[in-house]
Amino acid sequence: MIPKVELHLHLEGAAPPEFIRRLADERRQRLVGVFDEDGAYRFTDFANFLAVYEAATSVLRTPADYHRLTLAVLERQAAEGVIYSEIFLSPDFCGGGDLGAWRDFLAAIREAATIAEDRWDTRMRGIVTCIRHLGPDVARRAALCAAETADDWLVGFGIAGEERRGTPGDFAYAFDMAREAKLGLTAHAGEWAGPDSVRAALDDLRVSRVGHGVRAIEDPALVDRLAEDGVVLEVCPGSNIALGLYPSWDRHPVARLHDKGVRVTLSTDDPPFFRTTISREYDRLAEAFGWDAAVFRSLNRTAAEAAFCDDATRAALLKLLEPEDD
């Protein structure tokens, strides 16, 4: 199994549906419209996906819930051969944006991550994300939480949510706060709002990585800029296909972006929602584009190089990613 590095994974979005159902049962909380008849997550389009996501997340209320969730997610990561994950965490879900409450949730998540590293030898680091459709003022609260808890474990700041709400520039203040705290910066863009949103994220938020970013392919000049500047795209093909952005794996632009010199990486976004795993992503991309183990090892090296972790952790990851001697 190829060791894998994943840079784009939402903690709540990685919650297995059976985990959420079990927690809802414990709480005697009824979830309406969240699951299909087979017990999998159910949604119709991106807007409905966001609604279902938030409904499922509503059962996660305490630091202890997030401790359990982190262990469940990292156990699955380890089973998939993931040696390092950067996972998106939202203070808006973890304590309602209150700094004191956020510290308690973060401590529980970190404790679970330490247990997982000792137990399964898979590493996790956190990236705080503000929620775009909650607006710039709420994003500033998230940025404050990130800045006040930034260290060698809480390593980044980003933005997720409804990409068509507002502009990246509306959130520049929050990103400036995170930049001053020396956090790595990423932003969801180039998924639903098109290539202009990628350009705006680069210009207005000054990010080094872009979550998704795949619609940059529609603008050749932007593709050239991404390649020349070494901007890293956190590409999640299965997510894009499940949400209807592209009709099939062979029509997805990840291979064209890669061929044009853009630094792409592979992630799963919210894997149980999209009925995928990182191993399945690799298998489908190999079928669609003929990619072999050497290509996937190269993409994982790119991910390790682009990770927001400290240099010692990066060096350890790159060592683990070296191919084994025959």
C-alpha atoms as a PDB file:
ATOM      1  CA  MET A   1       0.000   0.000   0.000  1.00  0.00           C
ATOM      2  CA  ILE A   2       1.357   3.438  -0.963  1.00  0.00           C
ATOM      3  CA  PRO A   3       1.788   5.728   2.072  1.00  0.00           C
ATOM      4  CA  LYS A   4      -0.510   8.704   1.613  1.00  0.00           C
ATOM      5  CA  VAL A   5      -0.639  12.351   2.678  1.00  0.00           C
ATOM      6  CA  GLU A   6      -4.044  14.032   2.694  1.00  0.00           C
ATOM      7  CA  LEU A   7      -4.356  17.814   2.963  1.00  0.00           C
ATOM      8  CA  HIS A   8      -8.095  18.427   2.484  1.00  0.00           C
ATOM      9  CA  LEU A   9     -10.394  16.618   4.904  1.00  0.00           C
ATOM     10  CA  HIS A  10     -13.199  18.048   7.035  1.00  0.00           C
ATOM     11  CA  LEU A  11     -13.431  16.414  10.448  1.00  0.00           C
ATOM     12  CA  GLU A  12     -17.231  16.398  10.646  1.00  0.00           C
ATOM     13  CA  GLY A  13     -17.461  15.515   6.962  1.00  0.00           C
ATOM     14  CA  ALA A  14     -15.362  12.428   7.607  1.00  0.00           C
ATOM     15  CA  ALA A  15     -17.783  11.147  10.267  1.00  0.00           C
ATOM     16  CA  PRO A  16     -19.057   7.680   9.306  1.00  0.00           C
ATOM     17  CA  PRO A  17     -22.860   7.724   9.023  1.00  0.00           C
ATOM     18  CA  GLU A  18     -23.135   4.934  11.577  1.00  0.00           C
ATOM     19  CA  PHE A  19     -21.166   7.096  14.035  1.00  0.00           C
ATOM     20  CA  ILE A  20     -23.605   9.990  13.608  1.00  0.00           C
ATOM     21  CA  ARG A  21     -26.641   7.682  13.864  1.00  0.00           C
ATOM     22  CA  ARG A  22     -25.302   6.096  17.038  1.00  0.00           C
ATOM     23  CA  LEU A  23     -24.630   9.480  18.635  1.00  0.00           C
ATOM     24  CA  ALA A  24     -28.087  10.719  17.624  1.00  0.00           C
ATOM     25  CA  ASP A  25     -29.647   7.616  19.196  1.00  0.00           C
ATOM     26  CA  GLU A  26     -27.717   8.227  22.399  1.00  0.00           C
ATOM     27  CA  ARG A  27     -29.071  11.780  22.438  1.00  0.00           C
ATOM     28  CA  ARG A  28     -32.557  10.682  21.396  1.00  0.00           C
ATOM     29  CA  GLN A  29     -32.225  13.228  18.603  1.00  0.00           C
ATOM     30  CA  ARG A  30     -34.177  12.593  15.422  1.00  0.00           C
ATOM     31  CA  LEU A  31     -32.348  13.419  12.200  1.00  0.00           C
ATOM     32  CA  VAL A  32     -34.734  14.065   9.318  1.00  0.00           C
ATOM     33  CA  GLY A  33     -33.616  13.873   5.676  1.00  0.00           C
ATOM     34  CA  VAL A  34     -30.004  13.007   6.511  1.00  0.00           C
ATOM     35  CA  PHE A  35     -29.847   9.308   5.562  1.00  0.00           C
ATOM     36  CA  ASP A  36     -31.200   7.205   2.715  1.00  0.00           C
ATOM     37  CA  GLU A  37     -32.867   3.814   3.054  1.00  0.00           C
ATOM     38  CA  ASP A  38     -29.443   2.124   3.154  1.00  0.00           C
ATOM     39  CA  GLY A  39     -28.233   4.324   5.990  1.00  0.00           C
ATOM     40  CA  ALA A  40     -25.857   6.404   3.857  1.00  0.00           C
ATOM     41  CA  TYR A  41     -25.886  10.201   3.765  1.00  0.00           C
ATOM     42  CA  ARG A  42     -28.438  11.609   1.315  1.00  0.00           C
ATOM     43  CA  PHE A  43     -28.366  14.924  -0.566  1.00  0.00           C
ATOM     44  CA  THR A  44     -29.467  16.248  -3.944  1.00  0.00           C
ATOM     45  CA  ASP A  45     -27.097  19.123  -4.763  1.00  0.00           C
ATOM     46  CA  PHE A  46     -24.439  21.292  -3.152  1.00  0.00           C
ATOM     47  CA  ALA A  47     -26.887  23.511  -1.247  1.00  0.00           C
ATOM     48  CA  ASN A  48     -28.689  20.442   0.096  1.00  0.00           C
ATOM     49  CA  PHE A  49     -25.339  18.846   0.933  1.00  0.00           C
ATOM     50  CA  LEU A  50     -24.493  21.834   3.154  1.00  0.00           C
ATOM     51  CA  ALA A  51     -27.868  21.510   4.903  1.00  0.00           C
ATOM     52  CA  VAL A  52     -27.433  17.766   5.473  1.00  0.00           C
ATOM     53  CA  TYR A  53     -23.859  18.335   6.661  1.00  0.00           C
ATOM     54  CA  GLU A  54     -24.992  20.852   9.261  1.00  0.00           C
ATOM     55  CA  ALA A  55     -27.870  18.610  10.380  1.00  0.00           C
ATOM     56  CA  ALA A  56     -25.496  15.678  10.875  1.00  0.00           C
ATOM     57  CA  THR A  57     -23.024  17.926  12.686  1.00  0.00           C
ATOM     58  CA  SER A  58     -25.731  19.075  15.104  1.00  0.00           C
ATOM     59  CA  VAL A  59     -25.368  15.854  17.135  1.00  0.00           C
ATOM     60  CA  LEU A  60     -21.723  16.716  17.888  1.00  0.00           C
ATOM     61  CA  ARG A  61     -22.055  18.901  20.966  1.00  0.00           C
ATOM     62  CA  THR A  62     -19.258  18.272  23.444  1.00  0.00           C
ATOM     63  CA  PRO A  63     -15.470  17.918  23.487  1.00  0.00           C
ATOM     64  CA  ALA A  64     -15.999  14.244  24.325  1.00  0.00           C
ATOM     65  CA  ASP A  65     -18.008  13.844  21.084  1.00  0.00           C
ATOM     66  CA  TYR A  66     -15.138  15.289  19.084  1.00  0.00           C
ATOM     67  CA  HIS A  67     -12.644  13.079  20.894  1.00  0.00           C
ATOM     68  CA  ARG A  68     -14.635  10.026  19.812  1.00  0.00           C
ATOM     69  CA  LEU A  69     -15.047  11.381  16.287  1.00  0.00           C
ATOM     70  CA  THR A  70     -11.336  12.102  15.868  1.00  0.00           C
ATOM     71  CA  LEU A  71     -10.443   8.568  16.902  1.00  0.00           C
ATOM     72  CA  ALA A  72     -13.014   7.098  14.498  1.00  0.00           C
ATOM     73  CA  VAL A  73     -11.760   9.221  11.589  1.00  0.00           C
ATOM     74  CA  LEU A  74      -8.075   8.582  12.212  1.00  0.00           C
ATOM     75  CA  GLU A  75      -8.603   4.846  12.577  1.00  0.00           C
ATOM     76  CA  ARG A  76     -10.063   4.868   9.057  1.00  0.00           C
ATOM     77  CA  GLN A  77      -7.236   7.068   7.809  1.00  0.00           C
ATOM     78  CA  ALA A  78      -4.684   4.592   9.131  1.00  0.00           C
ATOM     79  CA  ALA A  79      -6.524   1.686   7.505  1.00  0.00           C
ATOM     80  CA  GLU A  80      -6.245   3.535   4.175  1.00  0.00           C
ATOM     81  CA  GLY A  81      -2.482   3.961   4.519  1.00  0.00           C
ATOM     82  CA  VAL A  82      -2.668   7.667   5.331  1.00  0.00           C
ATOM     83  CA  ILE A  83       0.430   8.626   7.294  1.00  0.00           C
ATOM     84  CA  TYR A  84      -0.440  12.313   7.663  1.00  0.00           C
ATOM     85  CA  SER A  85      -3.688  14.302   7.510  1.00  0.00           C
ATOM     86  CA  GLU A  86      -4.362  18.004   7.725  1.00  0.00           C
ATOM     87  CA  ILE A  87      -7.952  18.169   8.910  1.00  0.00           C
ATOM     88  CA  PHE A  88     -10.263  21.172   8.834  1.00  0.00           C
ATOM     89  CA  LEU A  89     -11.729  22.190  12.196  1.00  0.00           C
ATOM     90  CA  SER A  90     -14.323  24.905  12.706  1.00  0.00           C
ATOM     91  CA  PRO A  91     -14.666  26.863  15.966  1.00  0.00           C
ATOM     92  CA  ASP A  92     -18.231  27.595  14.824  1.00  0.00           C
ATOM     93  CA  PHE A  93     -19.029  23.897  15.247  1.00  0.00           C
ATOM     94  CA  CYS A  94     -16.668  23.473  18.215  1.00  0.00           C
ATOM     95  CA  GLY A  95     -18.026  25.861  20.826  1.00  0.00           C
ATOM     96  CA  GLY A  96     -19.938  28.358  18.702  1.00  0.00           C
ATOM     97  CA  GLY A  97     -16.922  30.558  18.076  1.00  0.00           C
ATOM     98  CA  ASP A  98     -16.230  31.176  21.779  1.00  0.00           C
ATOM     99  CA  LEU A  99     -12.476  31.111  22.438  1.00  0.00           C
ATOM    100  CA  GLY A 100     -12.731  29.398  25.815  1.00  0.00           C
ATOM    101  CA  ALA A 101     -15.003  26.679  24.512  1.00  0.00           C
ATOM    102  CA  TRP A 102     -12.823  26.272  21.429  1.00  0.00           C
ATOM    103  CA  ARG A 103      -9.801  25.578  23.646  1.00  0.00           C
ATOM    104  CA  ASP A 104     -11.709  22.738  25.333  1.00  0.00           C
ATOM    105  CA  PHE A 105     -12.769  21.192  22.014  1.00  0.00           C
ATOM    106  CA  LEU A 106      -9.287  21.577  20.575  1.00  0.00           C
ATOM    107  CA  ALA A 107      -7.725  19.896  23.596  1.00  0.00           C
ATOM    108  CA  ALA A 108     -10.035  16.903  23.171  1.00  0.00           C
ATOM    109  CA  ILE A 109      -9.256  16.612  19.459  1.00  0.00           C
ATOM    110  CA  ARG A 110      -5.516  16.869  20.068  1.00  0.00           C
ATOM    111  CA  GLU A 111      -5.627  14.238  22.784  1.00  0.00           C
ATOM    112  CA  ALA A 112      -7.396  11.853  20.412  1.00  0.00           C
ATOM    113  CA  ALA A 113      -4.860  12.628  17.676  1.00  0.00           C
ATOM    114  CA  THR A 114      -2.019  11.754  20.049  1.00  0.00           C
ATOM    115  CA  ILE A 115      -3.688   8.454  20.916  1.00  0.00           C
ATOM    116  CA  ALA A 116      -4.184   7.708  17.211  1.00  0.00           C
ATOM    117  CA  GLU A 117      -0.544   8.429  16.386  1.00  0.00           C
ATOM    118  CA  ASP A 118       0.632   6.107  19.146  1.00  0.00           C
ATOM    119  CA  ARG A 119      -1.894   3.403  18.275  1.00  0.00           C
ATOM    120  CA  TRP A 120      -1.943   3.467  14.460  1.00  0.00           C
ATOM    121  CA  ASP A 121       1.107   5.536  13.473  1.00  0.00           C
ATOM    122  CA  THR A 122      -0.934   8.137  11.581  1.00  0.00           C
ATOM    123  CA  ARG A 123      -0.308  11.836  12.192  1.00  0.00           C
ATOM    124  CA  MET A 124      -2.837  14.654  12.241  1.00  0.00           C
ATOM    125  CA  ARG A 125      -2.514  18.429  12.231  1.00  0.00           C
ATOM    126  CA  GLY A 126      -5.343  20.956  12.412  1.00  0.00           C
ATOM    127  CA  ILE A 127      -6.425  23.767  10.109  1.00  0.00           C
ATOM    128  CA  VAL A 128      -9.038  26.175  11.425  1.00  0.00           C
ATOM    129  CA  THR A 129     -11.678  27.020   8.847  1.00  0.00           C
ATOM    130  CA  CYS A 130     -14.160  29.837   8.931  1.00  0.00           C
ATOM    131  CA  ILE A 131     -17.533  29.232   7.288  1.00  0.00           C
ATOM    132  CA  ARG A 132     -18.022  31.533   4.326  1.00  0.00           C
ATOM    133  CA  HIS A 133     -21.818  31.699   4.345  1.00  0.00           C
ATOM    134  CA  LEU A 134     -21.783  32.794   8.003  1.00  0.00           C
ATOM    135  CA  GLY A 135     -20.153  36.057   6.941  1.00  0.00           C
ATOM    136  CA  PRO A 136     -16.965  38.076   7.600  1.00  0.00           C
ATOM    137  CA  ASP A 137     -17.717  38.977  11.226  1.00  0.00           C
ATOM    138  CA  VAL A 138     -18.082  35.336  12.239  1.00  0.00           C
ATOM    139  CA  ALA A 139     -14.921  34.571  10.241  1.00  0.00           C
ATOM    140  CA  ARG A 140     -13.001  37.066  12.388  1.00  0.00           C
ATOM    141  CA  ARG A 141     -14.018  35.138  15.511  1.00  0.00           C
ATOM    142  CA  ALA A 142     -12.734  31.941  13.926  1.00  0.00           C
ATOM    143  CA  ALA A 143      -9.488  33.675  12.985  1.00  0.00           C
ATOM    144  CA  LEU A 144      -9.070  34.866  16.570  1.00  0.00           C
ATOM    145  CA  CYS A 145      -9.522  31.291  17.798  1.00  0.00           C
ATOM    146  CA  ALA A 146      -6.908  30.166  15.291  1.00  0.00           C
ATOM    147  CA  ALA A 147      -4.424  32.921  16.148  1.00  0.00           C
ATOM    148  CA  GLU A 148      -4.736  32.343  19.895  1.00  0.00           C
ATOM    149  CA  THR A 149      -4.134  28.592  19.622  1.00  0.00           C
ATOM    150  CA  ALA A 150      -1.600  28.480  16.775  1.00  0.00           C
ATOM    151  CA  ASP A 151       1.385  26.223  17.436  1.00  0.00           C
ATOM    152  CA  ASP A 152       3.154  23.244  15.884  1.00  0.00           C
ATOM    153  CA  TRP A 153      -0.125  21.269  15.874  1.00  0.00           C
ATOM    154  CA  LEU A 154      -2.691  23.915  14.909  1.00  0.00           C
ATOM    155  CA  VAL A 155      -0.876  24.907  11.730  1.00  0.00           C
ATOM    156  CA  GLY A 156      -3.257  26.569   9.278  1.00  0.00           C
ATOM    157  CA  PHE A 157      -6.278  28.709   8.535  1.00  0.00           C
ATOM    158  CA  GLY A 158      -8.757  28.507   5.686  1.00  0.00           C
ATOM    159  CA  ILE A 159     -12.285  29.131   4.528  1.00  0.00           C
ATOM    160  CA  ALA A 160     -14.989  26.677   3.475  1.00  0.00           C
ATOM    161  CA  GLY A 161     -18.752  26.759   2.920  1.00  0.00           C
ATOM    162  CA  GLU A 162     -20.881  28.294   0.176  1.00  0.00           C
ATOM    163  CA  GLU A 163     -18.291  29.597  -2.261  1.00  0.00           C
ATOM    164  CA  ARG A 164     -20.816  31.754  -4.123  1.00  0.00           C
ATOM    165  CA  ARG A 165     -21.577  33.875  -1.031  1.00  0.00           C
ATOM    166  CA  GLY A 166     -19.635  37.137  -0.972  1.00  0.00           C
ATOM    167  CA  THR A 167     -16.087  37.503  -2.278  1.00  0.00           C
ATOM    168  CA  PRO A 168     -12.706  36.345  -0.940  1.00  0.00           C
ATOM    169  CA  GLY A 169     -11.810  39.966  -0.275  1.00  0.00           C
ATOM    170  CA  ASP A 170     -14.617  40.171   2.288  1.00  0.00           C
ATOM    171  CA  PHE A 171     -12.552  37.832   4.471  1.00  0.00           C
ATOM    172  CA  ALA A 172      -9.169  39.519   4.054  1.00  0.00           C
ATOM    173  CA  TYR A 173      -9.112  40.797   7.646  1.00  0.00           C
ATOM    174  CA  ALA A 174      -9.552  37.279   9.048  1.00  0.00           C
ATOM    175  CA  PHE A 175      -6.757  36.000   6.817  1.00  0.00           C
ATOM    176  CA  ASP A 176      -4.508  38.876   7.854  1.00  0.00           C
ATOM    177  CA  MET A 177      -5.039  37.861  11.495  1.00  0.00           C
ATOM    178  CA  ALA A 178      -4.074  34.281  10.686  1.00  0.00           C
ATOM    179  CA  ARG A 179      -1.064  35.388   8.640  1.00  0.00           C
ATOM    180  CA  GLU A 180       0.217  37.467  11.561  1.00  0.00           C
ATOM    181  CA  ALA A 181      -0.027  34.321  13.700  1.00  0.00           C
ATOM    182  CA  LYS A 182       2.233  32.599  11.113  1.00  0.00           C
ATOM    183  CA  LEU A 183      -0.403  30.080  10.096  1.00  0.00           C
ATOM    184  CA  GLY A 184      -0.379  28.470   6.670  1.00  0.00           C
ATOM    185  CA  LEU A 185      -3.217  29.738   4.490  1.00  0.00           C
ATOM    186  CA  THR A 186      -5.609  27.907   2.190  1.00  0.00           C
ATOM    187  CA  ALA A 187      -9.036  28.702   0.743  1.00  0.00           C
ATOM    188  CA  HIS A 188     -11.803  26.779  -0.968  1.00  0.00           C
ATOM    189  CA  ALA A 189     -12.154  28.294  -4.441  1.00  0.00           C
ATOM    190  CA  GLY A 190     -12.522  27.273  -8.058  1.00  0.00           C
ATOM    191  CA  GLU A 191     -15.240  24.770  -7.392  1.00  0.00           C
ATOM    192  CA  TRP A 192     -18.638  26.456  -7.711  1.00  0.00           C
ATOM    193  CA  ALA A 193     -17.611  30.063  -8.317  1.00  0.00           C
ATOM    194  CA  GLY A 194     -15.315  29.424 -11.280  1.00  0.00           C
ATOM    195  CA  PRO A 195     -11.733  30.414 -12.098  1.00  0.00           C
ATOM    196  CA  ASP A 196     -12.161  34.040 -11.028  1.00  0.00           C
ATOM    197  CA  SER A 197     -12.595  32.851  -7.450  1.00  0.00           C
ATOM    198  CA  VAL A 198      -9.165  31.196  -7.580  1.00  0.00           C
ATOM    199  CA  ARG A 199      -7.575  34.394  -8.798  1.00  0.00           C
ATOM    200  CA  ALA A 200      -9.347  36.378  -6.073  1.00  0.00           C
ATOM    201  CA  ALA A 201      -8.190  33.929  -3.378  1.00  0.00           C
ATOM    202  CA  LEU A 202      -4.605  34.376  -4.557  1.00  0.00           C
ATOM    203  CA  ASP A 203      -4.806  38.149  -4.865  1.00  0.00           C
ATOM    204  CA  ASP A 204      -6.992  39.061  -1.890  1.00  0.00           C
ATOM    205  CA  LEU A 205      -6.185  36.332   0.646  1.00  0.00           C
ATOM    206  CA  ARG A 206      -2.608  35.528  -0.465  1.00  0.00           C
ATOM    207  CA  VAL A 207      -2.954  31.802   0.076  1.00  0.00           C
ATOM    208  CA  SER A 208      -0.293  29.256  -0.842  1.00  0.00           C
ATOM    209  CA  ARG A 209      -2.819  26.454  -1.341  1.00  0.00           C
ATOM    210  CA  VAL A 210      -6.292  26.341  -2.876  1.00  0.00           C
ATOM    211  CA  GLY A 211      -8.940  23.838  -1.859  1.00  0.00           C
ATOM    212  CA  HIS A 212     -10.315  22.277  -5.068  1.00  0.00           C
ATOM    213  CA  GLY A 213      -9.264  24.983  -7.556  1.00  0.00           C
ATOM    214  CA  VAL A 214     -10.107  22.702 -10.452  1.00  0.00           C
ATOM    215  CA  ARG A 215     -12.070  25.228 -12.476  1.00  0.00           C
ATOM    216  CA  ALA A 216      -8.826  27.080 -13.039  1.00  0.00           C
ATOM    217  CA  ILE A 217      -8.587  24.777 -16.050  1.00  0.00           C
ATOM    218  CA  GLU A 218     -11.113  27.057 -17.774  1.00  0.00           C
ATOM    219  CA  ASP A 219      -8.594  29.932 -17.792  1.00  0.00           C
ATOM    220  CA  PRO A 220      -5.241  29.100 -19.483  1.00  0.00           C
ATOM    221  CA  ALA A 221      -3.545  32.206 -18.120  1.00  0.00           C
ATOM    222  CA  LEU A 222      -4.559  31.249 -14.599  1.00  0.00           C
ATOM    223  CA  VAL A 223      -3.238  27.720 -15.092  1.00  0.00           C
ATOM    224  CA  ASP A 224       0.083  29.186 -16.185  1.00  0.00           C
ATOM    225  CA  ARG A 225       0.135  31.394 -13.093  1.00  0.00           C
ATOM    226  CA  LEU A 226      -0.553  28.476 -10.770  1.00  0.00           C
ATOM    227  CA  ALA A 227       2.262  26.467 -12.350  1.00  0.00           C
ATOM    228  CA  GLU A 228       4.760  29.331 -12.356  1.00  0.00           C
ATOM    229  CA  ASP A 229       4.017  30.386  -8.760  1.00  0.00           C
ATOM    230  CA  GLY A 230       3.948  26.848  -7.386  1.00  0.00           C
ATOM    231  CA  VAL A 231       0.462  27.191  -5.935  1.00  0.00           C
ATOM    232  CA  VAL A 232      -0.747  23.839  -4.619  1.00  0.00           C
ATOM    233  CA  LEU A 233      -4.255  22.586  -5.373  1.00  0.00           C
ATOM    234  CA  GLU A 234      -5.964  20.296  -2.868  1.00  0.00           C
ATOM    235  CA  VAL A 235      -7.913  18.319  -5.461  1.00  0.00           C
ATOM    236  CA  CYS A 236     -10.812  16.076  -4.394  1.00  0.00           C
ATOM    237  CA  PRO A 237     -12.015  14.328  -7.570  1.00  0.00           C
ATOM    238  CA  GLY A 238     -14.606  12.048  -5.981  1.00  0.00           C
ATOM    239  CA  SER A 239     -16.212  15.020  -4.239  1.00  0.00           C
ATOM    240  CA  ASN A 240     -16.421  16.988  -7.491  1.00  0.00           C
ATOM    241  CA  ILE A 241     -18.011  14.060  -9.314  1.00  0.00           C
ATOM    242  CA  ALA A 242     -20.475  13.200  -6.533  1.00  0.00           C
ATOM    243  CA  LEU A 243     -21.682  16.800  -6.423  1.00  0.00           C
ATOM    244  CA  GLY A 244     -22.101  16.942 -10.212  1.00  0.00           C
ATOM    245  CA  LEU A 245     -19.320  19.356 -11.036  1.00  0.00           C
ATOM    246  CA  TYR A 246     -17.931  16.808 -13.519  1.00  0.00           C
ATOM    247  CA  PRO A 247     -19.810  13.859 -15.043  1.00  0.00           C
ATOM    248  CA  SER A 248     -17.132  11.171 -14.755  1.00  0.00           C
ATOM    249  CA  TRP A 249     -13.592  10.420 -13.623  1.00  0.00           C
ATOM    250  CA  ASP A 250     -12.116  10.626 -17.120  1.00  0.00           C
ATOM    251  CA  ARG A 251     -13.651  14.091 -17.585  1.00  0.00           C
ATOM    252  CA  HIS A 252     -12.140  15.456 -14.382  1.00  0.00           C
ATOM    253  CA  PRO A 253      -9.379  18.062 -15.067  1.00  0.00           C
ATOM    254  CA  VAL A 254      -6.877  16.841 -12.464  1.00  0.00           C
ATOM    255  CA  ALA A 255      -4.731  15.089 -15.086  1.00  0.00           C
ATOM    256  CA  ARG A 256      -4.722  18.111 -17.406  1.00  0.00           C
ATOM    257  CA  LEU A 257      -3.713  20.387 -14.534  1.00  0.00           C
ATOM    258  CA  HIS A 258      -0.949  17.975 -13.564  1.00  0.00           C
ATOM    259  CA  ASP A 259       0.277  17.738 -17.154  1.00  0.00           C
ATOM    260  CA  LYS A 260       0.484  21.531 -17.336  1.00  0.00           C
ATOM    261  CA  GLY A 261       2.795  21.651 -14.346  1.00  0.00           C
ATOM    262  CA  VAL A 262       0.336  22.623 -11.630  1.00  0.00           C
ATOM    263  CA  ARG A 263       1.206  21.147  -8.224  1.00  0.00           C
ATOM    264  CA  VAL A 264      -1.824  18.977  -7.478  1.00  0.00           C
ATOM    265  CA  THR A 265      -2.495  16.762  -4.473  1.00  0.00           C
ATOM    266  CA  LEU A 266      -5.273  14.249  -3.813  1.00  0.00           C
ATOM    267  CA  SER A 267      -7.800  14.266  -0.974  1.00  0.00           C
ATOM    268  CA  THR A 268     -11.304  13.066  -0.174  1.00  0.00           C
ATOM    269  CA  ASP A 269     -12.994  16.184   1.296  1.00  0.00           C
ATOM    270  CA  ASP A 270     -15.976  14.502   3.056  1.00  0.00           C
ATOM    271  CA  PRO A 271     -15.485  10.852   2.097  1.00  0.00           C
ATOM    272  CA  PRO A 272     -18.550   9.086   3.590  1.00  0.00           C
ATOM    273  CA  PHE A 273     -20.838  11.729   2.118  1.00  0.00           C
ATOM    274  CA  PHE A 274     -19.378  11.044  -1.322  1.00  0.00           C
ATOM    275  CA  ARG A 275     -19.081   7.269  -0.817  1.00  0.00           C
ATOM    276  CA  THR A 276     -15.375   7.307  -1.407  1.00  0.00           C
ATOM    277  CA  THR A 277     -12.053   6.570   0.263  1.00  0.00           C
ATOM    278  CA  ILE A 278      -8.575   7.728  -0.621  1.00  0.00           C
ATOM    279  CA  SER A 279      -7.769   4.221  -1.917  1.00  0.00           C
ATOM    280  CA  ARG A 280     -10.836   4.315  -4.154  1.00  0.00           C
ATOM    281  CA  GLU A 281      -9.729   7.714  -5.493  1.00  0.00           C
ATOM    282  CA  TYR A 282      -6.364   6.246  -6.437  1.00  0.00           C
ATOM    283  CA  ASP A 283      -7.965   3.238  -8.103  1.00  0.00           C
ATOM    284  CA  ARG A 284     -10.378   5.317 -10.161  1.00  0.00           C
ATOM    285  CA  LEU A 285      -7.694   7.785 -11.243  1.00  0.00           C
ATOM    286  CA  ALA A 286      -5.427   4.915 -12.254  1.00  0.00           C
ATOM    287  CA  GLU A 287      -8.250   3.524 -14.394  1.00  0.00           C
ATOM    288  CA  ALA A 288      -9.122   6.913 -15.913  1.00  0.00           C
ATOM    289  CA  PHE A 289      -5.627   8.227 -16.655  1.00  0.00           C
ATOM    290  CA  GLY A 290      -3.260   5.274 -16.470  1.00  0.00           C
ATOM    291  CA  TRP A 291      -1.459   6.702 -13.446  1.00  0.00           C
ATOM    292  CA  ASP A 292       0.927   4.246 -11.809  1.00  0.00           C
ATOM    293  CA  ALA A 293       2.537   4.026  -8.384  1.00  0.00           C
ATOM    294  CA  ALA A 294       5.299   6.431  -9.403  1.00  0.00           C
ATOM    295  CA  VAL A 295       2.748   9.165 -10.181  1.00  0.00           C
ATOM    296  CA  PHE A 296       0.970   8.687  -6.877  1.00  0.00           C
ATOM    297  CA  ARG A 297       4.244   8.725  -4.948  1.00  0.00           C
ATOM    298  CA  SER A 298       5.124  12.000  -6.680  1.00  0.00           C
ATOM    299  CA  LEU A 299       1.755  13.531  -5.743  1.00  0.00           C
ATOM    300  CA  ASN A 300       2.249  12.479  -2.140  1.00  0.00           C
ATOM    301  CA  ARG A 301       5.699  14.066  -2.070  1.00  0.00           C
ATOM    302  CA  THR A 302       4.094  17.261  -3.345  1.00  0.00           C
ATOM    303  CA  ALA A 303       1.553  17.042  -0.528  1.00  0.00           C
ATOM    304  CA  ALA A 304       4.251  16.521   2.102  1.00  0.00           C
ATOM    305  CA  GLU A 305       6.241  19.461   0.738  1.00  0.00           C
ATOM    306  CA  ALA A 306       3.120  21.658   0.817  1.00  0.00           C
ATOM    307  CA  ALA A 307       1.969  20.591   4.288  1.00  0.00           C
ATOM    308  CA  PHE A 308       1.817  23.334   6.905  1.00  0.00           C
ATOM    309  CA  CYS A 309       3.680  21.211   9.465  1.00  0.00           C
ATOM    310  CA  ASP A 310       7.113  21.949  10.936  1.00  0.00           C
ATOM    311  CA  ASP A 311      10.261  20.992   9.068  1.00  0.00           C
ATOM    312  CA  ALA A 312      11.050  17.992  11.285  1.00  0.00           C
ATOM    313  CA  THR A 313       7.627  16.468  10.647  1.00  0.00           C
ATOM    314  CA  ARG A 314       7.968  17.151   6.926  1.00  0.00           C
ATOM    315  CA  ALA A 315      11.351  15.459   6.799  1.00  0.00           C
ATOM    316  CA  ALA A 316       9.926  12.407   8.568  1.00  0.00           C
ATOM    317  CA  LEU A 317       7.042  12.246   6.098  1.00  0.00           C
ATOM    318  CA  LEU A 318       9.315  12.506   3.078  1.00  0.00           C
ATOM    319  CA  LYS A 319      11.415   9.690   4.495  1.00  0.00           C
ATOM    320  CA  LEU A 320       8.319   7.490   4.874  1.00  0.00           C
ATOM    321  CA  LEU A 321       7.308   8.300   1.298  1.00  0.00           C
ATOM    322  CA  GLU A 322      10.531   7.005  -0.197  1.00  0.00           C
ATOM    323  CA  PRO A 323       9.910   3.838  -2.205  1.00  0.00           C
ATOM    324  CA  GLU A 324      11.003   0.656  -0.526  1.00  0.00           C
ATOM    325  CA  ASP A 325      14.008  -1.136  -1.980  1.00  0.00           C
ATOM    326  CA  ASP A 326      13.114  -4.177  -4.070  1.00  0.00           C
END
